[in-house]
Amino acid sequence: MTTKLRVLARLEPLGDRVYATLREYIRTGRIPAGQRLQEAALAAQLGVSRTPVREALARLTSEGLVVADGRSFTRPELTVTDIEDIYALRFLLEPEALRLVAASRPDRARLAPLRAALVDLAAAHDASDGTAFMVANYRYRDAWTALVPNKRLVQSIQLYADHVRYLRAFTLDNAAVRAAVLKRFKELVAALAASNGDAAAQVMRAHLETAKRTLLELTSKRR
């Protein structure tokens, strides 16, 4: 009798794992702006050779999440100009992406993850839990971007949103900011449920305008 063999699990390449780890630390602010990132030190901390670290840093540099600084790298501090540039791109990308989602006429089942994230957002807001609100906020974003048929568009959206993610962590402890986010996200679900692309795009533009204004105010205060 022929022995049946199990399909072997394909582990993610080490370079990709190092990249994902460093990217998450940058996105969440656990690597602060100005901190030097050196290949040897990172390799020792992660328990890997310098090669996957070098590959990961090259990818992060190409995405603008770190910058070369002599023989090391640093996570840059965003300036007002940086925020203006990032949001100029987000205004182009995200409303159009939501038009595509609305045009696909998402049914109740496809919108269920968005509604579940809304429940968690409301609960976190009521509990004045900024950290839980931030987690639910990004789950909401992941839920609607998962509905976008153009995956290259999704990659661009995620990249530019990640550039300001660590700053958003400083704004969601503010009850007024949370309330505004929650209101827009409820409106967005309603627009998508009605397959109204114009309304969905308008809600996203309003949400991005508020987020941009909040981050510009925060950046001015931090400086």
C-alpha atoms as a PDB file:
ATOM      1  CA  MET A   1       0.000   0.000   0.000  1.00  0.00           C
ATOM      2  CA  THR A   2       1.317   3.437  -0.933  1.00  0.00           C
ATOM      3  CA  THR A   3       2.023   5.628   2.064  1.00  0.00           C
ATOM      4  CA  LYS A   4       0.310   9.013   1.955  1.00  0.00           C
ATOM      5  CA  LEU A   5       2.522  11.911   2.881  1.00  0.00           C
ATOM      6  CA  ARG A   6       1.320  15.106   4.476  1.00  0.00           C
ATOM      7  CA  VAL A   7       1.896  18.356   2.661  1.00  0.00           C
ATOM      8  CA  LEU A   8       4.665  20.208   4.447  1.00  0.00           C
ATOM      9  CA  ALA A   9       3.850  23.629   5.843  1.00  0.00           C
ATOM     10  CA  ARG A  10       5.706  26.340   3.986  1.00  0.00           C
ATOM     11  CA  LEU A  11       7.277  28.642   6.506  1.00  0.00           C
ATOM     12  CA  GLU A  12       7.460  32.292   5.632  1.00  0.00           C
ATOM     13  CA  PRO A  13      10.999  33.228   4.507  1.00  0.00           C
ATOM     14  CA  LEU A  14      13.114  34.572   7.359  1.00  0.00           C
ATOM     15  CA  GLY A  15      13.649  37.898   5.630  1.00  0.00           C
ATOM     16  CA  ASP A  16       9.881  38.395   5.376  1.00  0.00           C
ATOM     17  CA  ARG A  17       9.437  37.551   9.058  1.00  0.00           C
ATOM     18  CA  VAL A  18      12.118  40.030  10.117  1.00  0.00           C
ATOM     19  CA  TYR A  19      10.568  42.680   7.859  1.00  0.00           C
ATOM     20  CA  ALA A  20       7.066  42.078   9.277  1.00  0.00           C
ATOM     21  CA  THR A  21       8.384  42.261  12.848  1.00  0.00           C
ATOM     22  CA  LEU A  22      10.279  45.524  12.351  1.00  0.00           C
ATOM     23  CA  ARG A  23       7.394  47.042  10.384  1.00  0.00           C
ATOM     24  CA  GLU A  24       4.950  46.277  13.186  1.00  0.00           C
ATOM     25  CA  TYR A  25       7.272  47.849  15.755  1.00  0.00           C
ATOM     26  CA  ILE A  26       7.516  50.978  13.604  1.00  0.00           C
ATOM     27  CA  ARG A  27       3.755  51.127  12.953  1.00  0.00           C
ATOM     28  CA  THR A  28       2.928  50.942  16.649  1.00  0.00           C
ATOM     29  CA  GLY A  29       5.606  53.378  17.770  1.00  0.00           C
ATOM     30  CA  ARG A  30       7.619  50.833  19.732  1.00  0.00           C
ATOM     31  CA  ILE A  31      10.602  51.971  17.690  1.00  0.00           C
ATOM     32  CA  PRO A  32      10.581  55.723  18.417  1.00  0.00           C
ATOM     33  CA  ALA A  33      11.576  58.421  15.953  1.00  0.00           C
ATOM     34  CA  GLY A  34      15.310  59.018  15.892  1.00  0.00           C
ATOM     35  CA  GLN A  35      16.252  55.596  17.293  1.00  0.00           C
ATOM     36  CA  ARG A  36      19.249  54.124  15.505  1.00  0.00           C
ATOM     37  CA  LEU A  37      18.725  50.731  13.926  1.00  0.00           C
ATOM     38  CA  GLN A  38      21.929  48.804  13.263  1.00  0.00           C
ATOM     39  CA  GLU A  39      22.140  45.479  11.479  1.00  0.00           C
ATOM     40  CA  ALA A  40      24.346  43.747  14.035  1.00  0.00           C
ATOM     41  CA  ALA A  41      22.320  44.847  17.056  1.00  0.00           C
ATOM     42  CA  LEU A  42      18.984  43.963  15.442  1.00  0.00           C
ATOM     43  CA  ALA A  43      20.292  40.571  14.318  1.00  0.00           C
ATOM     44  CA  ALA A  44      21.452  39.785  17.861  1.00  0.00           C
ATOM     45  CA  GLN A  45      18.124  40.846  19.393  1.00  0.00           C
ATOM     46  CA  LEU A  46      16.084  38.830  16.879  1.00  0.00           C
ATOM     47  CA  GLY A  47      18.390  35.800  16.958  1.00  0.00           C
ATOM     48  CA  VAL A  48      19.049  35.808  13.211  1.00  0.00           C
ATOM     49  CA  SER A  49      21.947  36.507  10.894  1.00  0.00           C
ATOM     50  CA  ARG A  50      22.576  39.972   9.482  1.00  0.00           C
ATOM     51  CA  THR A  51      21.407  39.040   5.976  1.00  0.00           C
ATOM     52  CA  PRO A  52      17.618  38.943   6.631  1.00  0.00           C
ATOM     53  CA  VAL A  53      17.947  42.106   8.726  1.00  0.00           C
ATOM     54  CA  ARG A  54      19.729  43.830   5.849  1.00  0.00           C
ATOM     55  CA  GLU A  55      16.988  42.722   3.444  1.00  0.00           C
ATOM     56  CA  ALA A  56      14.256  43.931   5.803  1.00  0.00           C
ATOM     57  CA  LEU A  57      15.883  47.337   6.314  1.00  0.00           C
ATOM     58  CA  ALA A  58      16.247  47.756   2.544  1.00  0.00           C
ATOM     59  CA  ARG A  59      12.507  47.112   2.103  1.00  0.00           C
ATOM     60  CA  LEU A  60      11.585  49.485   4.911  1.00  0.00           C
ATOM     61  CA  THR A  61      13.831  52.154   3.394  1.00  0.00           C
ATOM     62  CA  SER A  62      12.160  51.789  -0.013  1.00  0.00           C
ATOM     63  CA  GLU A  63       8.806  52.338   1.717  1.00  0.00           C
ATOM     64  CA  GLY A  64      10.044  55.423   3.552  1.00  0.00           C
ATOM     65  CA  LEU A  65       9.470  53.890   6.991  1.00  0.00           C
ATOM     66  CA  VAL A  66      13.187  54.158   7.840  1.00  0.00           C
ATOM     67  CA  VAL A  67      15.986  56.272   6.377  1.00  0.00           C
ATOM     68  CA  ALA A  68      19.680  55.527   5.971  1.00  0.00           C
ATOM     69  CA  ASP A  69      21.857  57.395   8.463  1.00  0.00           C
ATOM     70  CA  GLY A  70      25.492  56.623   7.779  1.00  0.00           C
ATOM     71  CA  ARG A  71      26.056  52.978   8.691  1.00  0.00           C
ATOM     72  CA  SER A  72      22.737  52.694  10.509  1.00  0.00           C
ATOM     73  CA  PHE A  73      19.089  53.533   9.928  1.00  0.00           C
ATOM     74  CA  THR A  74      16.559  55.628  11.838  1.00  0.00           C
ATOM     75  CA  ARG A  75      12.801  55.982  11.905  1.00  0.00           C
ATOM     76  CA  PRO A  76      12.143  59.552  10.752  1.00  0.00           C
ATOM     77  CA  GLU A  77      10.056  62.053  12.693  1.00  0.00           C
ATOM     78  CA  LEU A  78       7.203  63.200  10.465  1.00  0.00           C
ATOM     79  CA  THR A  79       7.092  66.912   9.678  1.00  0.00           C
ATOM     80  CA  VAL A  80       4.067  69.006   8.768  1.00  0.00           C
ATOM     81  CA  THR A  81       5.104  68.718   5.110  1.00  0.00           C
ATOM     82  CA  ASP A  82       5.308  64.918   5.423  1.00  0.00           C
ATOM     83  CA  ILE A  83       1.768  64.765   6.818  1.00  0.00           C
ATOM     84  CA  GLU A  84       0.464  67.070   4.077  1.00  0.00           C
ATOM     85  CA  ASP A  85       2.076  64.857   1.412  1.00  0.00           C
ATOM     86  CA  ILE A  86       0.829  61.590   2.949  1.00  0.00           C
ATOM     87  CA  TYR A  87      -2.738  62.828   3.225  1.00  0.00           C
ATOM     88  CA  ALA A  88      -2.677  64.212  -0.327  1.00  0.00           C
ATOM     89  CA  LEU A  89      -2.098  60.621  -1.452  1.00  0.00           C
ATOM     90  CA  ARG A  90      -4.658  59.170   0.941  1.00  0.00           C
ATOM     91  CA  PHE A  91      -7.294  61.586  -0.412  1.00  0.00           C
ATOM     92  CA  LEU A  92      -6.627  60.180  -3.881  1.00  0.00           C
ATOM     93  CA  LEU A  93      -6.557  56.509  -2.922  1.00  0.00           C
ATOM     94  CA  GLU A  94      -9.077  55.760  -0.191  1.00  0.00           C
ATOM     95  CA  PRO A  95     -12.257  57.445  -1.497  1.00  0.00           C
ATOM     96  CA  GLU A  96     -11.708  55.763  -4.872  1.00  0.00           C
ATOM     97  CA  ALA A  97     -11.149  52.390  -3.203  1.00  0.00           C
ATOM     98  CA  LEU A  98     -14.471  52.735  -1.385  1.00  0.00           C
ATOM     99  CA  ARG A  99     -16.213  53.566  -4.657  1.00  0.00           C
ATOM    100  CA  LEU A 100     -14.980  50.203  -5.923  1.00  0.00           C
ATOM    101  CA  VAL A 101     -16.276  48.443  -2.813  1.00  0.00           C
ATOM    102  CA  ALA A 102     -19.685  50.095  -3.136  1.00  0.00           C
ATOM    103  CA  ALA A 103     -19.829  49.177  -6.830  1.00  0.00           C
ATOM    104  CA  SER A 104     -19.368  45.507  -5.879  1.00  0.00           C
ATOM    105  CA  ARG A 105     -22.662  45.717  -3.928  1.00  0.00           C
ATOM    106  CA  PRO A 106     -21.412  44.075  -0.718  1.00  0.00           C
ATOM    107  CA  ASP A 107     -24.072  42.007   1.031  1.00  0.00           C
ATOM    108  CA  ARG A 108     -24.697  41.689   4.756  1.00  0.00           C
ATOM    109  CA  ALA A 109     -22.278  38.776   5.127  1.00  0.00           C
ATOM    110  CA  ARG A 110     -19.400  40.695   3.527  1.00  0.00           C
ATOM    111  CA  LEU A 111     -20.086  43.724   5.707  1.00  0.00           C
ATOM    112  CA  ALA A 112     -20.291  41.645   8.901  1.00  0.00           C
ATOM    113  CA  PRO A 113     -16.602  42.189   9.875  1.00  0.00           C
ATOM    114  CA  LEU A 114     -17.112  45.957   9.580  1.00  0.00           C
ATOM    115  CA  ARG A 115     -20.161  45.851  11.818  1.00  0.00           C
ATOM    116  CA  ALA A 116     -18.326  43.659  14.346  1.00  0.00           C
ATOM    117  CA  ALA A 117     -15.473  46.170  14.471  1.00  0.00           C
ATOM    118  CA  LEU A 118     -18.042  48.950  14.981  1.00  0.00           C
ATOM    119  CA  VAL A 119     -19.402  47.145  18.041  1.00  0.00           C
ATOM    120  CA  ASP A 120     -15.891  46.939  19.498  1.00  0.00           C
ATOM    121  CA  LEU A 121     -15.197  50.582  18.655  1.00  0.00           C
ATOM    122  CA  ALA A 122     -18.351  51.676  20.466  1.00  0.00           C
ATOM    123  CA  ALA A 123     -17.516  49.546  23.504  1.00  0.00           C
ATOM    124  CA  ALA A 124     -13.958  50.918  23.674  1.00  0.00           C
ATOM    125  CA  HIS A 125     -15.227  54.477  23.318  1.00  0.00           C
ATOM    126  CA  ASP A 126     -17.769  54.003  26.120  1.00  0.00           C
ATOM    127  CA  ALA A 127     -15.003  52.563  28.316  1.00  0.00           C
ATOM    128  CA  SER A 128     -12.647  55.462  27.441  1.00  0.00           C
ATOM    129  CA  ASP A 129     -10.099  52.843  26.368  1.00  0.00           C
ATOM    130  CA  GLY A 130      -7.930  54.487  23.729  1.00  0.00           C
ATOM    131  CA  THR A 131      -5.768  51.402  23.201  1.00  0.00           C
ATOM    132  CA  ALA A 132      -8.737  49.093  22.577  1.00  0.00           C
ATOM    133  CA  PHE A 133     -10.252  51.738  20.307  1.00  0.00           C
ATOM    134  CA  MET A 134      -7.054  51.880  18.256  1.00  0.00           C
ATOM    135  CA  VAL A 135      -7.003  48.083  17.874  1.00  0.00           C
ATOM    136  CA  ALA A 136     -10.636  48.049  16.728  1.00  0.00           C
ATOM    137  CA  ASN A 137      -9.943  51.026  14.472  1.00  0.00           C
ATOM    138  CA  TYR A 138      -7.298  49.144  12.531  1.00  0.00           C
ATOM    139  CA  ARG A 139      -9.445  46.019  12.421  1.00  0.00           C
ATOM    140  CA  TYR A 140     -12.145  48.165  10.824  1.00  0.00           C
ATOM    141  CA  ARG A 141      -9.652  49.407   8.229  1.00  0.00           C
ATOM    142  CA  ASP A 142      -8.496  45.866   7.503  1.00  0.00           C
ATOM    143  CA  ALA A 143     -12.144  44.807   7.088  1.00  0.00           C
ATOM    144  CA  TRP A 144     -13.011  47.400   4.470  1.00  0.00           C
ATOM    145  CA  THR A 145      -9.727  47.143   2.574  1.00  0.00           C
ATOM    146  CA  ALA A 146     -10.299  43.374   2.360  1.00  0.00           C
ATOM    147  CA  LEU A 147     -13.347  44.194   0.201  1.00  0.00           C
ATOM    148  CA  VAL A 148     -11.323  46.247  -2.317  1.00  0.00           C
ATOM    149  CA  PRO A 149     -10.885  44.193  -5.519  1.00  0.00           C
ATOM    150  CA  ASN A 150      -7.643  45.951  -6.568  1.00  0.00           C
ATOM    151  CA  LYS A 151      -4.990  44.509  -4.244  1.00  0.00           C
ATOM    152  CA  ARG A 152      -2.237  46.824  -5.488  1.00  0.00           C
ATOM    153  CA  LEU A 153      -4.441  49.712  -4.450  1.00  0.00           C
ATOM    154  CA  VAL A 154      -4.821  48.098  -1.023  1.00  0.00           C
ATOM    155  CA  GLN A 155      -1.046  47.824  -0.633  1.00  0.00           C
ATOM    156  CA  SER A 156      -0.651  51.528  -1.335  1.00  0.00           C
ATOM    157  CA  ILE A 157      -3.426  52.425   1.108  1.00  0.00           C
ATOM    158  CA  GLN A 158      -1.842  50.326   3.840  1.00  0.00           C
ATOM    159  CA  LEU A 159       1.610  51.790   3.260  1.00  0.00           C
ATOM    160  CA  TYR A 160       0.591  55.430   3.595  1.00  0.00           C
ATOM    161  CA  ALA A 161      -1.761  54.754   6.500  1.00  0.00           C
ATOM    162  CA  ASP A 162       1.115  52.988   8.275  1.00  0.00           C
ATOM    163  CA  HIS A 163       3.293  56.091   7.941  1.00  0.00           C
ATOM    164  CA  VAL A 164       1.031  57.935  10.388  1.00  0.00           C
ATOM    165  CA  ARG A 165      -0.191  55.004  12.469  1.00  0.00           C
ATOM    166  CA  TYR A 166       2.117  55.659  15.429  1.00  0.00           C
ATOM    167  CA  LEU A 167       0.918  59.268  15.609  1.00  0.00           C
ATOM    168  CA  ARG A 168      -2.739  58.196  15.626  1.00  0.00           C
ATOM    169  CA  ALA A 169      -2.026  56.319  18.855  1.00  0.00           C
ATOM    170  CA  PHE A 170      -1.570  59.706  20.548  1.00  0.00           C
ATOM    171  CA  THR A 171      -4.961  61.038  19.380  1.00  0.00           C
ATOM    172  CA  LEU A 172      -7.387  58.256  20.275  1.00  0.00           C
ATOM    173  CA  ASP A 173      -7.299  58.931  24.006  1.00  0.00           C
ATOM    174  CA  ASN A 174      -9.290  62.058  23.156  1.00  0.00           C
ATOM    175  CA  ALA A 175     -13.038  61.365  23.556  1.00  0.00           C
ATOM    176  CA  ALA A 176     -14.016  63.933  20.923  1.00  0.00           C
ATOM    177  CA  VAL A 177     -11.658  62.361  18.371  1.00  0.00           C
ATOM    178  CA  ARG A 178     -13.017  58.881  19.116  1.00  0.00           C
ATOM    179  CA  ALA A 179     -16.606  60.085  18.810  1.00  0.00           C
ATOM    180  CA  ALA A 180     -15.884  61.655  15.404  1.00  0.00           C
ATOM    181  CA  VAL A 181     -14.199  58.471  14.146  1.00  0.00           C
ATOM    182  CA  LEU A 182     -17.089  56.310  15.343  1.00  0.00           C
ATOM    183  CA  LYS A 183     -19.674  58.575  13.686  1.00  0.00           C
ATOM    184  CA  ARG A 184     -17.887  58.494  10.324  1.00  0.00           C
ATOM    185  CA  PHE A 185     -17.409  54.746  10.420  1.00  0.00           C
ATOM    186  CA  LYS A 186     -21.120  54.187  11.070  1.00  0.00           C
ATOM    187  CA  GLU A 187     -21.930  56.447   8.128  1.00  0.00           C
ATOM    188  CA  LEU A 188     -19.469  54.542   5.961  1.00  0.00           C
ATOM    189  CA  VAL A 189     -21.075  51.166   6.697  1.00  0.00           C
ATOM    190  CA  ALA A 190     -24.483  52.632   5.857  1.00  0.00           C
ATOM    191  CA  ALA A 191     -23.174  54.001   2.539  1.00  0.00           C
ATOM    192  CA  LEU A 192     -21.607  50.675   1.583  1.00  0.00           C
ATOM    193  CA  ALA A 193     -24.740  48.754   2.558  1.00  0.00           C
ATOM    194  CA  ALA A 194     -26.679  51.038   0.200  1.00  0.00           C
ATOM    195  CA  SER A 195     -24.029  50.552  -2.533  1.00  0.00           C
ATOM    196  CA  ASN A 196     -23.671  54.336  -2.650  1.00  0.00           C
ATOM    197  CA  GLY A 197     -20.144  54.999  -3.868  1.00  0.00           C
ATOM    198  CA  ASP A 198     -20.458  58.793  -3.845  1.00  0.00           C
ATOM    199  CA  ALA A 199     -21.606  58.800  -0.208  1.00  0.00           C
ATOM    200  CA  ALA A 200     -18.872  56.341   0.831  1.00  0.00           C
ATOM    201  CA  ALA A 201     -16.196  58.477  -0.837  1.00  0.00           C
ATOM    202  CA  GLN A 202     -17.579  61.641   0.784  1.00  0.00           C
ATOM    203  CA  VAL A 203     -17.547  60.051   4.250  1.00  0.00           C
ATOM    204  CA  MET A 204     -13.949  58.900   3.790  1.00  0.00           C
ATOM    205  CA  ARG A 205     -12.843  62.349   2.622  1.00  0.00           C
ATOM    206  CA  ALA A 206     -14.431  63.895   5.723  1.00  0.00           C
ATOM    207  CA  HIS A 207     -12.770  61.285   7.947  1.00  0.00           C
ATOM    208  CA  LEU A 208      -9.352  61.885   6.380  1.00  0.00           C
ATOM    209  CA  GLU A 209      -9.750  65.663   6.658  1.00  0.00           C
ATOM    210  CA  THR A 210     -10.465  65.362  10.382  1.00  0.00           C
ATOM    211  CA  ALA A 211      -7.568  62.948  10.904  1.00  0.00           C
ATOM    212  CA  LYS A 212      -5.186  65.198   8.994  1.00  0.00           C
ATOM    213  CA  ARG A 213      -6.202  68.285  10.971  1.00  0.00           C
ATOM    214  CA  THR A 214      -5.801  66.398  14.265  1.00  0.00           C
ATOM    215  CA  LEU A 215      -2.338  65.123  13.348  1.00  0.00           C
ATOM    216  CA  LEU A 216      -1.181  68.553  12.175  1.00  0.00           C
ATOM    217  CA  GLU A 217      -2.270  70.051  15.496  1.00  0.00           C
ATOM    218  CA  LEU A 218      -0.515  67.252  17.384  1.00  0.00           C
ATOM    219  CA  THR A 219       2.685  67.652  15.371  1.00  0.00           C
ATOM    220  CA  SER A 220       2.739  71.402  15.976  1.00  0.00           C
ATOM    221  CA  LYS A 221       2.352  70.862  19.729  1.00  0.00           C
ATOM    222  CA  ARG A 222       5.040  68.157  19.838  1.00  0.00           C
ATOM    223  CA  ARG A 223       7.486  70.499  18.147  1.00  0.00           C
END
